[in-house]
């Protein structure tokens, strides 16, 4: 059974930094995409940053220049370095993986990030 586990969330002041960590295990299929999404109450989950197995990264416009995604293919981990955090970055951040075949997506349980003004 695939498990996706996040860690690293917490409370930080505006302008500060946090790093989120995610590790996947138990996948019988090769993982293609790993990345991060976030969700606030009453809103849909939105993409933050993802990286493919080929090393291609995609960022949401609202984090470009502030967040950096990095991935260890060999260990099925993905990190999100978040700098210059803003109160509007406050959300539950979810790690997700997507395997090649079958094309399945698995989510972690989420980790809360709170940015105080």
Protein backbone atom coordinates (compact mmCIF):
# COMPACT_ATOMS: atom_id res chain seq x y z
CA UNK A 1 0.00 0.00 0.00
CA UNK A 2 1.35 3.39 -0.99
CA UNK A 3 2.01 5.84 1.81
CA UNK A 4 2.75 9.53 1.42
CA UNK A 5 3.87 11.32 4.56
CA UNK A 6 4.50 15.04 4.95
CA UNK A 7 6.28 16.91 7.71
CA UNK A 8 7.74 20.32 8.37
CA UNK A 9 4.71 22.55 8.68
CA UNK A 10 4.29 25.05 11.47
CA UNK A 11 3.91 28.68 12.44
CA UNK A 12 6.20 31.33 11.01
CA UNK A 13 6.18 35.10 10.82
CA UNK A 14 5.61 36.94 7.58
CA UNK A 15 8.86 37.07 5.61
CA UNK A 16 10.16 33.92 7.22
CA UNK A 17 11.01 30.52 5.79
CA UNK A 18 9.88 26.92 6.19
CA UNK A 19 10.77 23.68 4.50
CA UNK A 20 8.23 20.94 3.92
CA UNK A 21 9.30 17.34 3.53
CA UNK A 22 7.52 14.44 1.88
CA UNK A 23 8.40 10.78 1.56
CA UNK A 24 6.57 8.11 -0.42
CA UNK A 25 6.83 4.40 0.23
CA UNK A 26 5.21 1.15 -0.75
CA UNK A 27 4.54 1.99 -4.39
CA UNK A 28 4.69 -1.01 -6.70
CA UNK A 29 4.79 1.32 -9.69
CA UNK A 30 7.45 3.84 -10.62
CA UNK A 31 6.56 7.35 -9.49
CA UNK A 32 6.39 9.98 -12.21
CA UNK A 33 5.28 13.20 -10.56
CA UNK A 34 5.77 14.31 -6.97
CA UNK A 35 4.74 17.65 -5.64
CA UNK A 36 2.81 19.98 -3.43
CA UNK A 37 -0.70 21.40 -3.35
CA UNK A 38 -2.45 23.54 -0.80
CA UNK A 39 -5.95 24.19 0.39
CA UNK A 40 -7.67 26.79 2.54
CA UNK A 41 -11.13 26.42 4.08
CA UNK A 42 -13.90 26.80 1.52
CA UNK A 43 -11.52 26.72 -1.43
CA UNK A 44 -10.37 24.09 -3.86
CA UNK A 45 -7.03 22.46 -3.55
CA UNK A 46 -4.51 24.24 -5.78
CA UNK A 47 -1.17 23.33 -7.24
CA UNK A 48 1.88 24.88 -5.60
CA UNK A 49 4.81 23.10 -7.23
CA UNK A 50 5.40 19.72 -8.82
CA UNK A 51 8.34 17.93 -10.38
CA UNK A 52 8.34 15.11 -12.89
CA UNK A 53 10.73 12.18 -12.93
CA UNK A 54 12.47 13.89 -15.84
CA UNK A 55 13.26 16.83 -13.60
CA UNK A 56 10.76 19.26 -15.05
CA UNK A 57 9.28 21.53 -12.42
CA UNK A 58 6.07 23.53 -12.53
CA UNK A 59 5.26 26.35 -10.14
CA UNK A 60 2.14 28.31 -9.46
CA UNK A 61 2.59 31.97 -10.34
CA UNK A 62 1.98 33.03 -6.75
CA UNK A 63 5.08 31.16 -5.50
CA UNK A 64 7.54 31.77 -8.33
CA UNK A 65 10.74 33.24 -7.01
CA UNK A 66 9.87 32.37 -3.41
CA UNK A 67 9.43 28.58 -3.28
CA UNK A 68 11.77 25.91 -4.57
CA UNK A 69 10.92 22.26 -5.10
CA UNK A 70 13.57 19.58 -4.95
CA UNK A 71 13.33 15.85 -5.37
CA UNK A 72 15.39 12.77 -4.63
CA UNK A 73 14.35 10.23 -7.26
CA UNK A 74 16.25 7.37 -5.64
CA UNK A 75 14.55 7.79 -2.29
CA UNK A 76 11.11 8.97 -3.44
CA UNK A 77 11.25 12.19 -1.46
CA UNK A 78 10.31 15.73 -2.39
CA UNK A 79 10.95 18.92 -0.43
CA UNK A 80 9.51 22.39 -0.70
CA UNK A 81 11.68 25.28 0.46
CA UNK A 82 9.41 28.24 1.15
CA UNK A 83 10.97 31.68 1.52
CA UNK A 84 9.51 35.14 2.00
CA UNK A 85 6.30 33.64 3.28
CA UNK A 86 3.17 35.76 3.31
CA UNK A 87 0.01 35.49 5.43
CA UNK A 88 -1.85 34.42 2.29
CA UNK A 89 0.38 31.34 2.10
CA UNK A 90 -1.41 30.04 5.18
CA UNK A 91 -2.99 26.72 4.21
CA UNK A 92 -2.86 22.98 4.62
CA UNK A 93 -0.15 21.74 2.31
CA UNK A 94 -0.51 18.32 0.75
CA UNK A 95 2.08 16.16 -0.90
CA UNK A 96 0.94 14.07 -3.83
CA UNK A 97 2.50 11.46 -6.05
CA UNK A 98 1.43 10.11 -9.42
CA UNK A 99 2.67 6.80 -10.76
CA UNK A 100 3.40 5.95 -14.38
CA UNK A 101 1.38 2.79 -14.80
CA UNK A 102 -1.27 2.61 -13.69
CA UNK A 103 -1.74 6.37 -13.65
CA UNK A 104 -2.74 6.77 -10.00
CA UNK A 105 -2.50 9.69 -7.63
CA UNK A 106 -1.97 9.32 -3.90
CA UNK A 107 -2.20 12.09 -1.33
CA UNK A 108 -0.63 12.63 2.02
CA UNK A 109 -2.58 13.67 5.08
CA UNK A 110 -1.50 17.31 4.86
CA UNK A 111 0.54 19.60 7.05
CA UNK A 112 -0.56 22.99 8.32
CA UNK A 113 1.44 26.09 7.46
CA UNK A 114 0.46 29.28 9.25
CA UNK A 115 2.07 32.62 8.45
CA UNK A 116 1.40 35.38 10.94
CA UNK A 117 1.42 39.04 9.93
